Amino acid sequence: MANFDQELDASGLNCPLPILRAKKTLNGMESGQVLRVIATDPGSVKDFEAFAKQTGNELVESGEENGKYTFLLKKK
């Protein structure tokens, strides 16, 4: 597992809340820092891919384990 600077647990939240929370958290972070997001909404996989493309933040890693989806986003 890669290193990260902050973690956001968005378990139990449905689209678009995980994205909105991630956006807000990233706003308070410095460029180059990595945010780890945990979500349970299967739709979040496509959402975070689109979010990364739209915002220019890098989706470093994404994975799924036991119904939990994890995303590592590097702030641009």
Protein backbone atom coordinates (compact mmCIF):
# COMPACT_ATOMS: atom_id res chain seq x y z
CA MET A 1 0.00 0.00 0.00
CA ALA A 2 1.35 3.39 -1.00
CA ASN A 3 1.88 6.15 1.53
CA PHE A 4 -0.77 8.79 1.98
CA ASP A 5 -1.06 12.06 3.91
CA GLN A 6 -4.73 12.04 4.78
CA GLU A 7 -7.55 9.55 4.86
CA LEU A 8 -11.22 10.08 4.14
CA ASP A 9 -13.71 7.41 5.11
CA ALA A 10 -16.77 7.82 2.88
CA SER A 11 -18.20 4.37 3.68
CA GLY A 12 -21.98 4.23 3.51
CA LEU A 13 -22.22 7.41 1.47
CA ASN A 14 -23.72 7.35 -1.99
CA CYS A 15 -22.79 9.32 -5.07
CA PRO A 16 -21.98 12.20 -5.22
CA LEU A 17 -21.07 12.52 -1.53
CA PRO A 18 -17.73 10.64 -1.63
CA ILE A 19 -16.57 12.89 -4.48
CA LEU A 20 -17.77 16.07 -2.77
CA ARG A 21 -16.04 15.14 0.48
CA ALA A 22 -12.85 14.23 -1.39
CA LYS A 23 -12.93 17.54 -3.25
CA LYS A 24 -13.33 19.46 0.01
CA THR A 25 -10.53 17.51 1.69
CA LEU A 26 -8.18 17.97 -1.29
CA ASN A 27 -8.86 21.72 -1.21
CA GLY A 28 -7.27 21.84 2.23
CA MET A 29 -4.22 19.83 1.18
CA GLU A 30 -0.96 20.86 -0.45
CA SER A 31 0.13 20.02 -3.98
CA GLY A 32 1.75 16.59 -4.18
CA GLN A 33 0.01 15.28 -1.08
CA VAL A 34 -1.96 12.04 -1.32
CA LEU A 35 -5.50 11.47 -0.10
CA ARG A 36 -6.74 7.95 0.55
CA VAL A 37 -10.49 7.58 0.15
CA ILE A 38 -12.49 4.60 1.36
CA ALA A 39 -15.95 4.15 -0.18
CA THR A 40 -18.61 1.45 -0.32
CA ASP A 41 -20.56 2.77 -3.33
CA PRO A 42 -19.66 0.68 -6.43
CA GLY A 43 -20.40 3.75 -8.57
CA SER A 44 -17.50 5.55 -6.92
CA VAL A 45 -15.03 3.67 -9.13
CA LYS A 46 -16.20 5.47 -12.28
CA ASP A 47 -16.82 8.66 -10.31
CA PHE A 48 -13.24 8.92 -9.07
CA GLU A 49 -11.82 8.14 -12.51
CA ALA A 50 -13.92 10.95 -13.98
CA PHE A 51 -13.11 13.25 -11.06
CA ALA A 52 -9.37 12.76 -11.58
CA LYS A 53 -9.67 13.53 -15.31
CA GLN A 54 -11.81 16.61 -14.73
CA THR A 55 -9.72 18.09 -11.93
CA GLY A 56 -6.23 17.07 -12.99
CA ASN A 57 -5.60 15.32 -9.69
CA GLU A 58 -3.86 12.00 -10.23
CA LEU A 59 -5.63 8.76 -9.38
CA VAL A 60 -2.53 6.90 -8.25
CA GLU A 61 -4.22 3.68 -7.22
CA SER A 62 -7.65 2.17 -6.82
CA GLY A 63 -8.71 -1.18 -5.50
CA GLU A 64 -11.52 -3.18 -3.97
CA GLU A 65 -11.47 -5.50 -1.00
CA ASN A 66 -14.41 -7.00 0.87
CA GLY A 67 -16.87 -4.54 -0.69
CA LYS A 68 -14.75 -1.52 0.21
CA TYR A 69 -13.23 0.57 -2.53
CA THR A 70 -10.03 2.48 -1.90
CA PHE A 71 -8.64 5.33 -3.98
CA LEU A 72 -5.36 7.18 -3.72
CA LEU A 73 -5.58 10.67 -5.16
CA LYS A 74 -2.51 12.84 -5.56
CA LYS A 75 -3.25 16.55 -5.49
CA LYS A 76 -2.03 18.39 -8.56
